[in-house]
Amino acid sequence: MKNEASVPAALGLRGCVGPLRSSEPVGLEPPPSVLQSLLEEAADYLVVHRDFEACLETCQRGCEKLGSDWQAEEYEDSKDLKCFLCVVGIQALAEMDRWREVLSWLLQYYPHLEHLPPKILELCILLYSKVKEPQAILEVASSWLREPANRDLPEYGAIFELHLFRVLLPLHCWTAAEDMTALCAEEEQRQAASQAIATARQQQEESLEKTQEPQRENQGGTFCRKLLALWKLLRWLLESVVDHVLSLPLKKTFLIALILCLLMVRFDPACPSSLPFFYKLAHIFYRIRGTIFSPCYLSSYNS
């Protein structure tokens, strides 16, 4: 596959065939000469010539021949041969950066993906994990592990571990991982899986807390900045009002103060509770007038 998403032909797969060469034994009983030549030809296209399109076409021709009824009945190793052809075909798709087509391509030869051979499923999990798209294989691998016919296979434990560490935990599927752990037949493997799930969940929670702390600090700093800006605005308004009031003549200042007092302290002059205030105010005015216009004051003023 191109760029960083490329999966090299020599994937280190446990129990899975690597890049095949014509000089390497396939590990099967010798198939018919035509099918054997197709397998060797596909391997040469993949490894030697690096012609991935021709490799894929060769694998398709071989799988189509193995899909015929007479071929499947005549040779007992047809299933294994089809598996190896599909493995080489998957690697060719990966090298052409067409890894998204892998599952749809496999459906042509395995209509029920829960019956995939373990070697093919293992390769698919590794492939989608490498390209950072584990969700693409999530349903297929989960269905395969829940299939009762697959639980007795010797590769079941290895597939479970790959699915847990390469798919479920990276996707944070904690509930699905715990449910899948109950399918393990070995007690030791169940305990190890439960411990791994707990550790991964704790690490995620700690990571979220570390991520949220700077956010809370930023929010607190933003609130303080907004409060300070509001205080500066109020102080500016208050200073403006005070400067404006001080610039007015004394009589206007007293008049404004009186009006403000009437508005804030005694808003409704007709209210009975306001009458004592006006009585006191009138009495003060009468006393001031009486003092100013009294005979003694006038005589002293005239003299």
Protein backbone atom coordinates (compact mmCIF):
# COMPACT_ATOMS: atom_id res chain seq x y z
CA MET A 1 0.00 0.00 0.00
CA LYS A 2 1.22 3.52 -0.70
CA ASN A 3 2.57 5.98 1.82
CA GLU A 4 2.27 5.27 5.53
CA ALA A 5 -0.82 3.13 5.06
CA SER A 6 1.12 0.55 3.09
CA VAL A 7 1.29 -2.97 4.38
CA PRO A 8 4.46 -4.67 3.23
CA ALA A 9 4.18 -7.94 1.48
CA ALA A 10 6.16 -9.60 4.22
CA LEU A 11 3.68 -9.11 7.08
CA GLY A 12 4.86 -10.94 10.16
CA LEU A 13 1.71 -12.96 10.71
CA ARG A 14 1.67 -15.75 13.21
CA GLY A 15 0.28 -18.85 11.53
CA CYS A 16 -0.35 -16.96 8.29
CA VAL A 17 1.43 -17.47 5.01
CA GLY A 18 3.95 -14.77 4.10
CA PRO A 19 4.82 -13.60 0.64
CA LEU A 20 4.99 -16.74 -1.41
CA ARG A 21 7.75 -17.52 -3.88
CA SER A 22 7.83 -20.14 -6.54
CA SER A 23 10.78 -21.83 -4.84
CA GLU A 24 9.01 -22.11 -1.45
CA PRO A 25 6.80 -25.05 -0.49
CA VAL A 26 3.18 -24.13 0.06
CA GLY A 27 2.63 -26.67 2.83
CA LEU A 28 -0.17 -28.48 1.00
CA GLU A 29 -0.46 -31.67 -0.95
CA PRO A 30 0.57 -30.93 -4.53
CA PRO A 31 -2.51 -29.35 -6.19
CA PRO A 32 -3.30 -29.84 -9.87
CA SER A 33 -0.66 -28.38 -12.12
CA VAL A 34 -2.94 -25.57 -13.35
CA LEU A 35 -3.86 -24.37 -9.86
CA GLN A 36 -0.32 -24.76 -8.59
CA SER A 37 0.98 -22.68 -11.45
CA LEU A 38 -1.62 -19.99 -10.70
CA LEU A 39 -0.56 -19.83 -7.07
CA GLU A 40 3.13 -19.62 -7.99
CA GLU A 41 2.39 -17.06 -10.69
CA ALA A 42 0.47 -14.86 -8.23
CA ALA A 43 3.34 -15.11 -5.73
CA ASP A 44 5.88 -14.10 -8.38
CA TYR A 45 3.75 -11.12 -9.40
CA LEU A 46 3.53 -10.05 -5.76
CA VAL A 47 7.16 -10.48 -4.68
CA VAL A 48 9.34 -10.49 -7.78
CA HIS A 49 7.62 -8.35 -10.39
CA ARG A 50 5.65 -6.12 -7.97
CA ASP A 51 2.78 -6.20 -10.44
CA PHE A 52 -0.06 -6.16 -7.93
CA GLU A 53 -2.88 -5.84 -10.45
CA ALA A 54 -1.72 -8.97 -12.27
CA CYS A 55 -1.30 -10.72 -8.92
CA LEU A 56 -4.89 -9.92 -7.95
CA GLU A 57 -6.26 -11.10 -11.29
CA THR A 58 -4.32 -14.35 -10.97
CA CYS A 59 -5.70 -14.95 -7.47
CA GLN A 60 -9.22 -14.32 -8.73
CA ARG A 61 -8.81 -16.84 -11.53
CA GLY A 62 -7.57 -19.44 -9.07
CA CYS A 63 -10.42 -18.83 -6.62
CA GLU A 64 -12.98 -19.03 -9.41
CA LYS A 65 -11.60 -22.38 -10.50
CA LEU A 66 -11.68 -23.65 -6.93
CA GLY A 67 -15.25 -22.42 -6.60
CA SER A 68 -16.52 -24.85 -9.23
CA ASP A 69 -18.31 -27.93 -7.94
CA TRP A 70 -16.15 -30.50 -9.67
CA GLN A 71 -12.98 -28.91 -8.39
CA ALA A 72 -14.15 -28.79 -4.77
CA GLU A 73 -15.19 -32.43 -4.84
CA GLU A 74 -12.06 -33.72 -6.54
CA TYR A 75 -9.44 -32.21 -4.20
CA GLU A 76 -9.63 -32.26 -0.42
CA ASP A 77 -7.17 -29.37 -0.04
CA SER A 78 -9.22 -26.92 -2.10
CA LYS A 79 -10.22 -24.93 1.01
CA ASP A 80 -6.63 -24.44 2.06
CA LEU A 81 -5.58 -23.52 -1.45
CA LYS A 82 -8.36 -20.92 -1.70
CA CYS A 83 -7.27 -19.53 1.67
CA PHE A 84 -3.69 -19.06 0.47
CA LEU A 85 -4.85 -17.46 -2.77
CA CYS A 86 -7.00 -15.02 -0.79
CA VAL A 87 -4.09 -14.18 1.50
CA VAL A 88 -1.94 -13.27 -1.50
CA GLY A 89 -4.84 -11.33 -3.02
CA ILE A 90 -5.33 -9.32 0.19
CA GLN A 91 -1.68 -8.39 0.21
CA ALA A 92 -1.95 -7.26 -3.42
CA LEU A 93 -4.96 -5.06 -2.58
CA ALA A 94 -3.08 -3.59 0.36
CA GLU A 95 -0.06 -2.76 -1.81
CA MET A 96 -2.34 -0.95 -4.27
CA ASP A 97 -3.85 1.10 -1.42
CA ARG A 98 -7.19 -0.58 -1.99
CA TRP A 99 -7.54 -1.98 1.52
CA ARG A 100 -11.13 -0.67 1.74
CA GLU A 101 -12.11 -3.28 -0.89
CA VAL A 102 -10.75 -6.26 1.05
CA LEU A 103 -13.98 -7.33 2.78
CA SER A 104 -16.14 -6.87 -0.31
CA TRP A 105 -13.58 -8.82 -2.34
CA LEU A 106 -13.62 -11.66 0.19
CA LEU A 107 -17.42 -11.81 0.05
CA GLN A 108 -17.14 -13.15 -3.50
CA TYR A 109 -15.49 -16.32 -2.19
CA TYR A 110 -16.77 -16.42 1.42
CA PRO A 111 -20.43 -15.32 1.42
CA HIS A 112 -20.56 -15.73 5.20
CA LEU A 113 -17.65 -13.81 6.72
CA GLU A 114 -18.16 -15.49 10.11
CA HIS A 115 -16.83 -18.64 8.40
CA LEU A 116 -13.60 -17.04 7.26
CA PRO A 117 -10.48 -19.15 7.78
CA PRO A 118 -8.53 -17.95 10.85
CA LYS A 119 -5.50 -17.06 8.71
CA ILE A 120 -7.53 -14.66 6.58
CA LEU A 121 -9.28 -13.06 9.56
CA GLU A 122 -5.95 -12.61 11.33
CA LEU A 123 -4.52 -10.86 8.27
CA CYS A 124 -7.59 -8.60 8.01
CA ILE A 125 -7.36 -7.55 11.67
CA LEU A 126 -3.68 -6.72 11.30
CA LEU A 127 -4.33 -4.83 8.07
CA TYR A 128 -7.15 -2.62 9.38
CA SER A 129 -5.29 -2.04 12.62
CA LYS A 130 -2.23 -0.87 10.70
CA VAL A 131 -4.20 1.62 8.62
CA LYS A 132 -5.93 2.96 11.79
CA GLU A 133 -9.37 1.77 10.73
CA PRO A 134 -10.17 -1.01 13.23
CA GLN A 135 -13.89 -0.24 13.16
CA ALA A 136 -14.05 -1.68 9.62
CA ILE A 137 -13.34 -5.19 10.94
CA LEU A 138 -15.22 -4.84 14.25
CA GLU A 139 -18.47 -6.55 13.26
CA VAL A 140 -16.80 -9.27 11.21
CA ALA A 141 -14.37 -10.27 13.96
CA SER A 142 -17.07 -10.12 16.66
CA SER A 143 -19.39 -12.33 14.61
CA TRP A 144 -16.56 -14.78 13.95
CA LEU A 145 -15.72 -15.07 17.66
CA ARG A 146 -19.39 -15.57 18.59
CA GLU A 147 -19.83 -18.33 16.02
CA PRO A 148 -20.07 -21.62 17.99
CA ALA A 149 -18.35 -23.59 15.22
CA ASN A 150 -15.20 -21.47 15.59
CA ARG A 151 -14.72 -21.88 19.35
CA ASP A 152 -13.11 -25.27 19.02
CA LEU A 153 -10.51 -24.09 16.53
CA PRO A 154 -6.93 -23.97 17.87
CA GLU A 155 -6.54 -20.43 16.49
CA TYR A 156 -9.51 -19.11 18.49
CA GLY A 157 -7.41 -17.78 21.38
CA ALA A 158 -5.00 -15.95 19.09
CA ILE A 159 -7.86 -14.35 17.14
CA PHE A 160 -9.48 -13.27 20.41
CA GLU A 161 -6.29 -11.55 21.59
CA LEU A 162 -5.84 -9.77 18.26
CA HIS A 163 -9.45 -8.61 18.29
CA LEU A 164 -9.16 -7.39 21.88
CA PHE A 165 -5.87 -5.50 21.63
CA ARG A 166 -6.10 -4.31 18.00
CA VAL A 167 -9.82 -3.54 17.68
CA LEU A 168 -11.88 -3.36 20.89
CA LEU A 169 -9.46 -1.55 23.19
CA PRO A 170 -8.34 1.06 20.62
CA LEU A 171 -12.02 1.80 19.93
CA HIS A 172 -12.80 1.96 23.69
CA CYS A 173 -15.52 -0.67 23.35
CA TRP A 174 -15.39 -1.62 27.02
CA THR A 175 -18.76 -3.36 27.24
CA ALA A 176 -18.18 -5.37 24.07
CA ALA A 177 -14.74 -6.36 25.32
CA GLU A 178 -16.13 -7.57 28.64
CA ASP A 179 -18.86 -9.54 26.87
CA MET A 180 -16.30 -11.08 24.53
CA THR A 181 -14.10 -12.07 27.47
CA ALA A 182 -16.86 -14.36 28.73
CA LEU A 183 -16.46 -16.47 25.56
CA CYS A 184 -12.90 -17.47 26.46
CA ALA A 185 -12.62 -21.10 27.48
CA GLU A 186 -9.40 -20.67 29.46
CA GLU A 187 -9.62 -19.05 32.87
CA GLU A 188 -6.13 -17.61 32.63
CA GLN A 189 -6.92 -15.88 29.35
CA ARG A 190 -10.14 -14.44 30.78
CA GLN A 191 -8.32 -12.98 33.78
CA ALA A 192 -5.60 -11.49 31.58
CA ALA A 193 -8.21 -9.97 29.29
CA SER A 194 -10.17 -8.48 32.21
CA GLN A 195 -7.00 -6.97 33.61
CA ALA A 196 -6.09 -5.48 30.24
CA ILE A 197 -9.56 -3.96 29.88
CA ALA A 198 -9.41 -2.40 33.36
CA THR A 199 -5.94 -0.98 32.72
CA ALA A 200 -6.93 0.48 29.35
CA ARG A 201 -10.08 2.06 30.80
CA GLN A 202 -8.13 3.60 33.68
CA GLN A 203 -5.56 5.02 31.28
CA GLN A 204 -8.32 6.57 29.19
CA GLU A 205 -9.93 8.18 32.26
CA GLU A 206 -6.58 9.62 33.37
CA SER A 207 -5.97 10.94 29.88
CA LEU A 208 -9.39 12.61 29.84
CA GLU A 209 -8.73 14.23 33.22
CA LYS A 210 -5.41 15.61 32.01
CA THR A 211 -7.14 16.97 28.92
CA GLN A 212 -9.97 18.57 30.89
CA GLU A 213 -7.74 20.31 33.48
CA PRO A 214 -6.27 22.83 30.98
CA GLN A 215 -9.77 23.42 29.63
CA ARG A 216 -11.08 24.25 33.10
CA GLU A 217 -8.11 26.54 33.70
CA ASN A 218 -8.76 28.27 30.40
CA GLN A 219 -12.44 28.69 31.26
CA GLY A 220 -11.54 30.16 34.67
CA GLY A 221 -9.06 32.56 33.08
CA THR A 222 -11.63 33.63 30.52
CA PHE A 223 -14.20 34.34 33.26
CA CYS A 224 -11.68 36.46 35.21
CA ARG A 225 -10.79 38.42 32.10
CA LYS A 226 -14.46 39.08 31.34
CA LEU A 227 -15.09 40.17 34.95
CA LEU A 228 -12.11 42.52 34.87
CA ALA A 229 -13.28 44.03 31.58
CA LEU A 230 -16.77 44.57 33.04
CA TRP A 231 -15.32 46.23 36.14
CA LYS A 232 -13.21 48.57 34.00
CA LEU A 233 -16.31 49.51 31.99
CA LEU A 234 -18.35 50.24 35.13
CA ARG A 235 -15.52 52.29 36.61
CA TRP A 236 -15.25 54.30 33.40
CA LEU A 237 -19.00 54.97 33.39
CA LEU A 238 -18.94 56.03 37.06
CA GLU A 239 -16.00 58.35 36.51
CA SER A 240 -17.73 59.88 33.51
CA VAL A 241 -20.91 60.53 35.52
CA VAL A 242 -18.97 62.06 38.43
CA ASP A 243 -16.96 64.31 36.11
CA HIS A 244 -20.13 65.43 34.40
CA VAL A 245 -21.89 66.18 37.68
CA LEU A 246 -18.92 68.11 39.06
CA SER A 247 -18.81 70.23 35.94
CA LEU A 248 -22.39 71.44 36.51
CA PRO A 249 -23.24 74.62 38.50
CA LEU A 250 -24.03 74.25 42.18
CA LYS A 251 -27.75 74.99 41.81
CA LYS A 252 -28.19 72.41 39.07
CA THR A 253 -26.30 69.88 41.18
CA PHE A 254 -28.68 70.39 44.12
CA LEU A 255 -31.64 70.17 41.77
CA ILE A 256 -30.38 66.91 40.27
CA ALA A 257 -29.76 65.52 43.76
CA LEU A 258 -33.29 66.46 44.80
CA ILE A 259 -34.80 64.83 41.73
CA LEU A 260 -32.76 61.71 42.28
CA CYS A 261 -33.86 61.62 45.89
CA LEU A 262 -37.49 61.92 44.84
CA LEU A 263 -37.08 59.19 42.27
CA MET A 264 -35.12 56.75 44.41
CA VAL A 265 -36.37 57.39 47.94
CA ARG A 266 -39.91 58.66 47.43
CA PHE A 267 -40.88 57.76 43.90
CA ASP A 268 -44.61 58.45 44.35
CA PRO A 269 -45.27 61.87 45.96
CA ALA A 270 -48.98 61.08 46.32
CA CYS A 271 -48.26 58.08 48.47
CA PRO A 272 -49.14 58.67 52.15
CA SER A 273 -45.75 57.41 53.21
CA SER A 274 -44.17 60.26 51.24
CA LEU A 275 -46.06 63.03 53.11
CA PRO A 276 -43.78 63.20 56.20
CA PHE A 277 -40.80 63.68 53.90
CA PHE A 278 -42.42 66.63 52.13
CA TYR A 279 -43.58 68.10 55.49
CA LYS A 280 -40.00 68.06 56.76
CA LEU A 281 -38.70 69.52 53.50
CA ALA A 282 -41.31 72.33 53.59
CA HIS A 283 -40.50 73.04 57.26
CA ILE A 284 -36.82 73.41 56.39
CA PHE A 285 -37.65 75.84 53.61
CA TYR A 286 -39.94 77.85 55.98
CA ARG A 287 -37.17 78.08 58.57
CA ILE A 288 -34.65 79.21 56.00
CA ARG A 289 -37.07 81.83 54.70
CA GLY A 290 -37.95 82.98 58.18
CA THR A 291 -34.32 83.34 59.10
CA ILE A 292 -33.44 85.26 55.99
CA PHE A 293 -36.44 87.60 56.03
CA SER A 294 -36.69 88.14 59.81
CA PRO A 295 -36.60 91.82 61.06
CA CYS A 296 -33.32 91.29 62.90
CA TYR A 297 -31.67 89.90 59.84
CA LEU A 298 -33.01 92.67 57.65
CA SER A 299 -31.96 95.48 60.08
CA SER A 300 -28.45 94.10 60.37
CA TYR A 301 -28.29 93.71 56.62
CA ASN A 302 -29.42 97.33 56.06
CA SER A 303 -27.00 98.75 58.60
